[in-house]
Amino acid sequence: MKRLTGNITIFALALFILAACSSAPQALAPLGTTEASQLTLPDTPKNSDGYVDITVEQLAPLLEENKNFTLVNVHIPYDGELPKTDLFLPFDQITAELGQLPDKNAVIVLYCRSGNMSTQAAVKLTAAGYTQVYELDGGFNAWQAAGYTLLSQ
């Protein structure tokens, strides 16, 4: 009887392991959580400053889907915004406004008009310990050049 019980236990354990290792798709984490799978981008390495440069072509489809990251306009003065922008934080005050951002492991995408201000903000955020910082190359100038709409208040 002990041998049968042992075999059943081993069989149950094997089934559990197989179920855990299945390749079923995983749901994306909700906005503001710390899972790195939040933003589905190609394997783009971080640059030497610790953040990832992304293109309009990479960002645009993510705004069409179930957006699950924080999109931040850092351009000053205000000169328009991308659809689904979550926050406006001036690039030169970003470290003073960390309390408005999600936790340090959440995905944050920064942009400005051309990329200069968002690059400076990205450097500051990574220096402050943020681990999932993305910066839109070319800013909203590149966004408009690609044929996408820029919103204004």
Protein backbone atom coordinates (compact mmCIF):
# COMPACT_ATOMS: atom_id res chain seq x y z
CA MET A 1 0.00 0.00 0.00
CA LYS A 2 2.86 2.40 0.81
CA ARG A 3 4.35 1.72 -2.62
CA LEU A 4 1.04 2.58 -4.33
CA THR A 5 0.69 5.78 -2.30
CA GLY A 6 4.27 6.74 -3.19
CA ASN A 7 3.62 6.14 -6.90
CA ILE A 8 0.45 8.25 -6.77
CA THR A 9 2.35 11.05 -5.05
CA ILE A 10 5.11 10.97 -7.67
CA PHE A 11 2.52 10.93 -10.47
CA ALA A 12 0.66 13.90 -8.94
CA LEU A 13 3.91 15.80 -8.54
CA ALA A 14 4.84 15.11 -12.18
CA LEU A 15 1.44 16.40 -13.35
CA PHE A 16 1.86 19.54 -11.25
CA ILE A 17 5.30 20.21 -12.75
CA LEU A 18 4.02 19.66 -16.28
CA ALA A 19 1.11 22.04 -15.69
CA ALA A 20 3.44 24.69 -14.27
CA CYS A 21 5.78 24.41 -17.25
CA SER A 22 3.08 24.58 -19.90
CA SER A 23 3.49 27.21 -22.60
CA ALA A 24 0.05 28.74 -22.11
CA PRO A 25 0.08 32.50 -22.72
CA GLN A 26 0.29 34.66 -19.62
CA ALA A 27 -1.88 37.73 -19.09
CA LEU A 28 -0.09 41.05 -18.93
CA ALA A 29 0.19 42.70 -15.54
CA PRO A 30 -2.07 45.67 -14.79
CA LEU A 31 -0.77 49.23 -14.86
CA GLY A 32 1.58 50.12 -12.05
CA THR A 33 2.62 46.62 -11.05
CA THR A 34 6.22 45.58 -10.97
CA GLU A 35 6.28 42.79 -13.53
CA ALA A 36 8.80 43.33 -16.31
CA SER A 37 6.39 41.77 -18.82
CA GLN A 38 4.20 44.86 -18.76
CA LEU A 39 5.52 46.39 -21.94
CA THR A 40 5.73 44.02 -24.87
CA LEU A 41 8.63 45.32 -26.95
CA PRO A 42 11.24 43.51 -28.99
CA ASP A 43 14.33 42.56 -26.99
CA THR A 44 15.86 46.00 -27.02
CA PRO A 45 18.90 46.36 -24.78
CA LYS A 46 19.27 49.24 -22.37
CA ASN A 47 21.70 51.91 -23.47
CA SER A 48 24.74 52.94 -21.44
CA ASP A 49 22.57 55.26 -19.34
CA GLY A 50 20.31 52.38 -18.26
CA TYR A 51 17.11 53.04 -20.18
CA VAL A 52 15.69 51.74 -23.47
CA ASP A 53 15.25 53.85 -26.59
CA ILE A 54 12.05 52.97 -28.47
CA THR A 55 10.64 54.09 -31.79
CA VAL A 56 7.23 55.36 -32.79
CA GLU A 57 6.72 52.07 -34.64
CA GLN A 58 7.27 50.15 -31.39
CA LEU A 59 5.11 52.43 -29.22
CA ALA A 60 2.09 53.10 -31.46
CA PRO A 61 0.66 49.55 -31.42
CA LEU A 62 1.00 49.40 -27.65
CA LEU A 63 -1.26 52.43 -27.33
CA GLU A 64 -3.86 50.73 -29.52
CA GLU A 65 -3.92 47.62 -27.31
CA ASN A 66 -4.73 47.32 -23.62
CA LYS A 67 -2.15 49.90 -22.45
CA ASN A 68 -0.51 48.79 -19.22
CA PHE A 69 2.32 51.24 -18.66
CA THR A 70 2.67 54.86 -17.60
CA LEU A 71 3.13 57.33 -20.46
CA VAL A 72 4.71 60.62 -19.36
CA ASN A 73 5.08 63.88 -21.30
CA VAL A 74 8.12 65.75 -19.94
CA HIS A 75 8.21 68.59 -22.49
CA ILE A 76 8.10 72.17 -21.27
CA PRO A 77 6.30 74.29 -22.06
CA TYR A 78 3.27 72.17 -22.84
CA ASP A 79 3.08 71.83 -26.62
CA GLY A 80 0.72 68.89 -27.11
CA GLU A 81 0.61 65.23 -26.12
CA LEU A 82 0.34 61.70 -27.39
CA PRO A 83 -3.00 59.92 -26.98
CA LYS A 84 -3.34 58.06 -23.67
CA THR A 85 -0.75 60.19 -21.89
CA ASP A 86 -1.01 59.60 -18.14
CA LEU A 87 1.13 62.39 -16.67
CA PHE A 88 2.75 65.69 -17.49
CA LEU A 89 5.95 66.14 -15.46
CA PRO A 90 8.46 68.80 -16.52
CA PHE A 91 11.79 67.13 -17.35
CA ASP A 92 13.76 69.48 -15.10
CA GLN A 93 11.53 68.70 -12.10
CA ILE A 94 11.15 64.94 -12.58
CA THR A 95 13.17 63.98 -9.50
CA ALA A 96 11.09 66.32 -7.35
CA GLU A 97 7.92 64.62 -8.68
CA LEU A 98 8.84 60.94 -8.13
CA GLY A 99 5.80 60.55 -5.87
CA GLN A 100 3.53 60.88 -8.91
CA LEU A 101 5.18 57.93 -10.66
CA PRO A 102 4.41 54.25 -10.05
CA ASP A 103 6.94 52.08 -8.23
CA LYS A 104 10.53 51.82 -9.41
CA ASN A 105 9.98 48.52 -11.26
CA ALA A 106 6.92 49.63 -13.23
CA VAL A 107 7.23 50.42 -16.94
CA ILE A 108 7.46 54.15 -17.65
CA VAL A 109 7.62 55.62 -21.17
CA LEU A 110 8.89 59.19 -21.44
CA TYR A 111 8.59 61.59 -24.35
CA CYS A 112 8.98 65.26 -25.22
CA ARG A 113 8.94 67.18 -28.50
CA SER A 114 12.22 65.98 -30.02
CA GLY A 115 13.82 63.61 -27.51
CA ASN A 116 16.26 65.93 -25.73
CA MET A 117 14.18 66.61 -22.59
CA SER A 118 12.94 63.02 -22.32
CA THR A 119 16.52 61.76 -22.59
CA GLN A 120 17.53 63.98 -19.66
CA ALA A 121 14.51 62.78 -17.66
CA ALA A 122 15.27 59.13 -18.47
CA VAL A 123 18.84 59.54 -17.19
CA LYS A 124 17.51 61.06 -13.96
CA LEU A 125 14.95 58.29 -13.43
CA THR A 126 17.45 55.48 -13.96
CA ALA A 127 19.88 57.23 -11.60
CA ALA A 128 17.04 57.33 -9.05
CA GLY A 129 16.65 53.53 -9.32
CA TYR A 130 13.85 53.13 -11.86
CA THR A 131 14.45 49.90 -13.77
CA GLN A 132 11.93 49.91 -16.65
CA VAL A 133 12.41 53.33 -18.25
CA TYR A 134 11.76 53.78 -21.98
CA GLU A 135 12.32 56.95 -24.00
CA LEU A 136 10.60 57.72 -27.31
CA ASP A 137 13.23 58.52 -29.95
CA GLY A 138 12.38 61.71 -31.77
CA GLY A 139 9.53 62.57 -29.38
CA PHE A 140 6.22 63.79 -30.65
CA ASN A 141 7.89 65.31 -33.71
CA ALA A 142 8.66 61.74 -34.83
CA TRP A 143 5.13 60.72 -33.79
CA GLN A 144 3.59 63.32 -36.11
CA ALA A 145 6.09 62.62 -38.92
CA ALA A 146 4.91 59.01 -38.85
CA GLY A 147 1.35 60.20 -39.48
CA TYR A 148 -0.05 59.93 -35.94
CA THR A 149 -2.18 62.57 -34.25
CA LEU A 150 -0.89 64.84 -31.54
CA LEU A 151 -3.49 66.01 -29.04
CA SER A 152 -3.65 69.46 -27.47
CA GLN A 153 -5.59 70.78 -24.52
